[in-house]
Amino acid sequence: MSELERILYVEDEPDIREVAQIALEMVGGFTVKVCSSGEAALREAEGFAPDMILLDVMMPGMDGPATLKALRERPALAAIPMAFMTAKVQPAEVAHFKALGALDVIAKPFDPMTLADQVRAVWETRNG
């Protein structure tokens, strides 16, 4: 089983992006590429070759679900595990996001000290 090392993180809010990047790199030891929009993720994802993609749901322009759908349509990215990071964590919302093809949903606000563990836990479920 491959190790989780490279994470593409898509988030439009600079403060959240910065905290998550620091949490994933410094606490988690991951290599992280951040994108500020779905459009940027579509431009950057294949070149970065992530092991996993984390997507914000609410973004201007292309939202998280639209970004997930567009990424899934690219053969090189179709099998990459993806998860949403959002405050929308009601059971019906989580079920909807999973129906769209997300592995899981990580709740915001997240704890920077446990974010890497949460991401690893989602990663572990991908072959479940």
Foldseek 3Di string as FASTA:
>chain_A
DDDFAEEEEEAQDVVQQVLQVCLCCVQVVHHYDYDNHLVVCVVCVLVRLHLEYEAEADDPDQGRLNSLVVQCVDPSRVLRAYEYEYQPDDPVVQVVVVVSPHLGYHYPPDDSNCPSVVVVVSVVSSVD
